[in-house]
Amino acid sequence: MFKPLDPLLHSELRLAVMSLLVGIESAEFPYIKEQTGATAGNLSVQLDKLATADYITVEKTFKGKRPCTVCRITPTGLKAFETYVETLRDYLNPGK
């Protein structure tokens, strides 16, 4: 009856990251960390999982001498997010 939810997006932190990125062009690591309340280590692991699935891109550069990590949602990630949200709607409104 119910379609399965994407297990990659069903994680609270990964869903929060995707929710942030879907509405903006890109976000730097400190912004994502601040908005999600995640630890740097946990966020890094979850970003790697999303990047491995091609849901986001992670670009590591420098601002002056400081490292700068920028994340962007990919078309694959956007489609996966939209499907996830639609599936959740089906769970909340069965029979419609």
Protein backbone atom coordinates (compact mmCIF):
# COMPACT_ATOMS: atom_id res chain seq x y z
CA MET A 1 0.00 0.00 0.00
CA PHE A 2 2.69 2.52 0.98
CA LYS A 3 5.77 3.21 -1.12
CA PRO A 4 9.03 2.85 0.79
CA LEU A 5 10.75 6.00 2.04
CA ASP A 6 14.27 6.65 0.77
CA PRO A 7 16.44 5.40 3.68
CA LEU A 8 19.16 7.88 2.81
CA LEU A 9 16.78 10.80 3.33
CA HIS A 10 14.97 9.24 6.27
CA SER A 11 17.89 10.19 8.54
CA GLU A 12 17.08 13.37 10.48
CA LEU A 13 20.38 15.11 9.76
CA ARG A 14 20.55 14.17 6.07
CA LEU A 15 16.94 15.29 5.62
CA ALA A 16 17.76 18.59 7.34
CA VAL A 17 20.75 19.14 5.04
CA MET A 18 18.68 18.42 1.95
CA SER A 19 15.88 20.68 3.22
CA LEU A 20 18.37 23.52 3.60
CA LEU A 21 19.97 23.01 0.20
CA VAL A 22 16.73 22.66 -1.74
CA GLY A 23 15.91 26.31 -1.12
CA ILE A 24 19.32 27.89 -1.75
CA GLU A 25 21.97 27.72 -4.44
CA SER A 26 24.75 26.59 -2.10
CA ALA A 27 25.76 26.57 1.54
CA GLU A 28 29.08 26.53 3.34
CA PHE A 29 29.86 23.90 5.95
CA PRO A 30 29.69 26.25 8.98
CA TYR A 31 26.23 27.48 7.93
CA ILE A 32 24.91 23.93 7.57
CA LYS A 33 26.49 22.99 10.90
CA GLU A 34 24.91 25.97 12.63
CA GLN A 35 21.46 25.45 11.11
CA THR A 36 21.35 21.72 11.88
CA GLY A 37 23.05 21.80 15.27
CA ALA A 38 25.22 18.87 14.19
CA THR A 39 28.76 18.21 15.28
CA ALA A 40 31.43 18.76 12.63
CA GLY A 41 32.34 15.07 12.58
CA ASN A 42 28.78 13.79 12.21
CA LEU A 43 27.95 16.39 9.57
CA SER A 44 31.04 15.43 7.56
CA VAL A 45 30.01 11.77 7.58
CA GLN A 46 26.45 12.58 6.51
CA LEU A 47 27.61 14.94 3.74
CA ASP A 48 29.86 12.17 2.43
CA LYS A 49 26.89 9.78 2.30
CA LEU A 50 24.80 12.31 0.39
CA ALA A 51 27.68 13.04 -1.99
CA THR A 52 28.31 9.33 -2.61
CA ALA A 53 24.64 8.97 -3.63
CA ASP A 54 25.05 12.00 -5.95
CA TYR A 55 22.40 13.89 -3.97
CA ILE A 56 24.81 16.77 -3.33
CA THR A 57 28.17 18.02 -4.51
CA VAL A 58 30.84 18.94 -2.00
CA GLU A 59 33.46 21.40 -3.21
CA LYS A 60 36.52 21.95 -1.04
CA THR A 61 38.40 25.15 -1.74
CA PHE A 62 40.18 27.87 0.21
CA LYS A 63 39.20 31.39 1.23
CA GLY A 64 42.58 32.92 1.60
CA LYS A 65 44.41 30.38 3.74
CA ARG A 66 41.30 28.89 5.32
CA PRO A 67 39.57 25.78 4.00
CA CYS A 68 36.08 26.32 2.64
CA THR A 69 33.59 23.50 1.97
CA VAL A 70 30.58 24.38 -0.18
CA CYS A 71 27.62 22.04 -0.72
CA ARG A 72 25.04 22.13 -3.50
CA ILE A 73 22.06 19.92 -4.24
CA THR A 74 22.25 18.00 -7.54
CA PRO A 75 19.37 17.31 -9.95
CA THR A 76 19.41 13.70 -8.67
CA GLY A 77 19.18 14.98 -5.10
CA LEU A 78 16.37 17.36 -5.94
CA LYS A 79 14.37 14.56 -7.57
CA ALA A 80 15.00 12.25 -4.60
CA PHE A 81 13.91 14.99 -2.18
CA GLU A 82 10.73 15.71 -4.15
CA THR A 83 9.90 11.99 -4.29
CA TYR A 84 10.52 11.66 -0.55
CA VAL A 85 8.21 14.59 0.25
CA GLU A 86 5.51 13.21 -2.07
CA THR A 87 5.78 9.78 -0.45
CA LEU A 88 5.43 11.36 3.00
CA ARG A 89 2.30 13.14 1.78
CA ASP A 90 0.90 9.76 0.72
CA TYR A 91 1.60 8.40 4.21
CA LEU A 92 -0.21 11.36 5.79
CA ASN A 93 -3.17 11.25 3.40
CA PRO A 94 -3.78 7.59 2.55
CA GLY A 95 -6.45 6.92 -0.03
CA LYS A 96 -6.15 10.30 -1.79
